[in-house]
Amino acid sequence: MNDTSALLALADRMLWVTALVAAPVLLASLAVGLVVGVVQAATSINEQTLTFVPKLATIALVLVLLGSAMMGLIGDFLVDIFAQIAQTGK
């Protein structure tokens, strides 16, 4: 029973780490898409590829600014996983 609860806790933490890593990129992309969509609606420019370049630039900027923090979260999670695997094997 203890192994099952540990596995569920690990899965729960995995989902939180995934959400924390993906959220900045997704939210920035959503915000830029919304702003470009409003500008397109206001100016009646119906170019579908117009949102691609600003979104790409925003995602690159977010990854440059927050990439090390994201990798830190993933690295800490990986260390915890390996520590739990080592304790389970004992």
Protein backbone atom coordinates (compact mmCIF):
# COMPACT_ATOMS: atom_id res chain seq x y z
CA MET A 1 0.00 0.00 0.00
CA ASN A 2 2.90 2.30 0.73
CA ASP A 3 4.31 1.82 -2.76
CA THR A 4 0.97 2.73 -4.31
CA SER A 5 0.68 5.97 -2.36
CA ALA A 6 4.28 6.85 -3.20
CA LEU A 7 3.61 6.21 -6.87
CA LEU A 8 0.47 8.36 -6.81
CA ALA A 9 2.33 11.15 -5.03
CA LEU A 10 5.04 10.95 -7.66
CA ALA A 11 2.47 11.10 -10.47
CA ASP A 12 0.81 14.09 -8.82
CA ARG A 13 4.13 15.92 -8.54
CA MET A 14 4.95 14.99 -12.14
CA LEU A 15 1.76 16.68 -13.34
CA TRP A 16 2.50 19.80 -11.30
CA VAL A 17 6.06 20.04 -12.62
CA THR A 18 4.77 19.61 -16.17
CA ALA A 19 2.21 22.36 -15.65
CA LEU A 20 4.79 24.70 -14.12
CA VAL A 21 7.22 24.13 -16.99
CA ALA A 22 4.62 24.48 -19.75
CA ALA A 23 2.60 27.37 -18.30
CA PRO A 24 4.91 30.31 -19.09
CA VAL A 25 5.28 29.34 -22.74
CA LEU A 26 1.59 28.62 -23.19
CA LEU A 27 0.40 31.77 -21.41
CA ALA A 28 2.80 34.02 -23.34
CA SER A 29 1.73 32.44 -26.63
CA LEU A 30 -1.91 32.84 -25.68
CA ALA A 31 -1.46 36.51 -24.78
CA VAL A 32 0.37 37.33 -28.01
CA GLY A 33 -2.19 35.44 -30.07
CA LEU A 34 -5.00 37.33 -28.37
CA VAL A 35 -3.37 40.72 -28.97
CA VAL A 36 -2.61 39.92 -32.61
CA GLY A 37 -6.14 38.59 -33.06
CA VAL A 38 -7.64 41.81 -31.70
CA VAL A 39 -5.39 43.88 -33.98
CA GLN A 40 -6.38 41.73 -36.95
CA ALA A 41 -10.07 42.13 -36.12
CA ALA A 42 -9.72 45.89 -35.71
CA THR A 43 -7.84 46.37 -38.96
CA SER A 44 -9.65 43.69 -41.00
CA ILE A 45 -6.37 41.98 -41.89
CA ASN A 46 -7.20 38.31 -42.32
CA GLU A 47 -3.71 36.90 -42.75
CA GLN A 48 -3.49 33.59 -40.91
CA THR A 49 0.31 33.48 -40.87
CA LEU A 50 0.61 36.89 -39.23
CA THR A 51 0.43 35.46 -35.71
CA PHE A 52 3.25 32.97 -36.31
CA VAL A 53 6.26 35.30 -36.11
CA PRO A 54 5.21 37.21 -32.96
CA LYS A 55 4.33 33.95 -31.20
CA LEU A 56 7.64 32.39 -32.23
CA ALA A 57 9.59 35.42 -31.00
CA THR A 58 7.66 35.46 -27.72
CA ILE A 59 8.22 31.77 -27.11
CA ALA A 60 11.95 32.18 -27.81
CA LEU A 61 12.11 35.13 -25.38
CA VAL A 62 10.28 33.21 -22.66
CA LEU A 63 12.59 30.22 -23.11
CA VAL A 64 15.66 32.45 -22.91
CA LEU A 65 14.41 34.22 -19.79
CA LEU A 66 12.87 31.27 -17.94
CA GLY A 67 14.60 28.27 -19.49
CA SER A 68 17.08 27.85 -16.65
CA ALA A 69 14.31 27.90 -14.05
CA MET A 70 12.35 25.35 -16.05
CA MET A 71 15.37 23.08 -16.32
CA GLY A 72 16.00 23.55 -12.60
CA LEU A 73 12.49 22.28 -11.84
CA ILE A 74 12.94 19.30 -14.12
CA GLY A 75 16.38 18.56 -12.68
CA ASP A 76 15.13 18.69 -9.08
CA PHE A 77 12.27 16.38 -9.99
CA LEU A 78 14.68 13.98 -11.68
CA VAL A 79 16.93 13.89 -8.61
CA ASP A 80 13.91 13.14 -6.41
CA ILE A 81 12.80 10.34 -8.74
CA PHE A 82 16.24 8.73 -8.62
CA ALA A 83 16.34 9.08 -4.84
CA GLN A 84 12.97 7.35 -4.53
CA ILE A 85 14.09 4.58 -6.89
CA ALA A 86 17.20 4.04 -4.76
CA GLN A 87 15.12 3.90 -1.57
CA THR A 88 12.62 1.48 -3.11
CA GLY A 89 15.41 -0.88 -4.10
CA LYS A 90 16.68 -1.19 -0.51
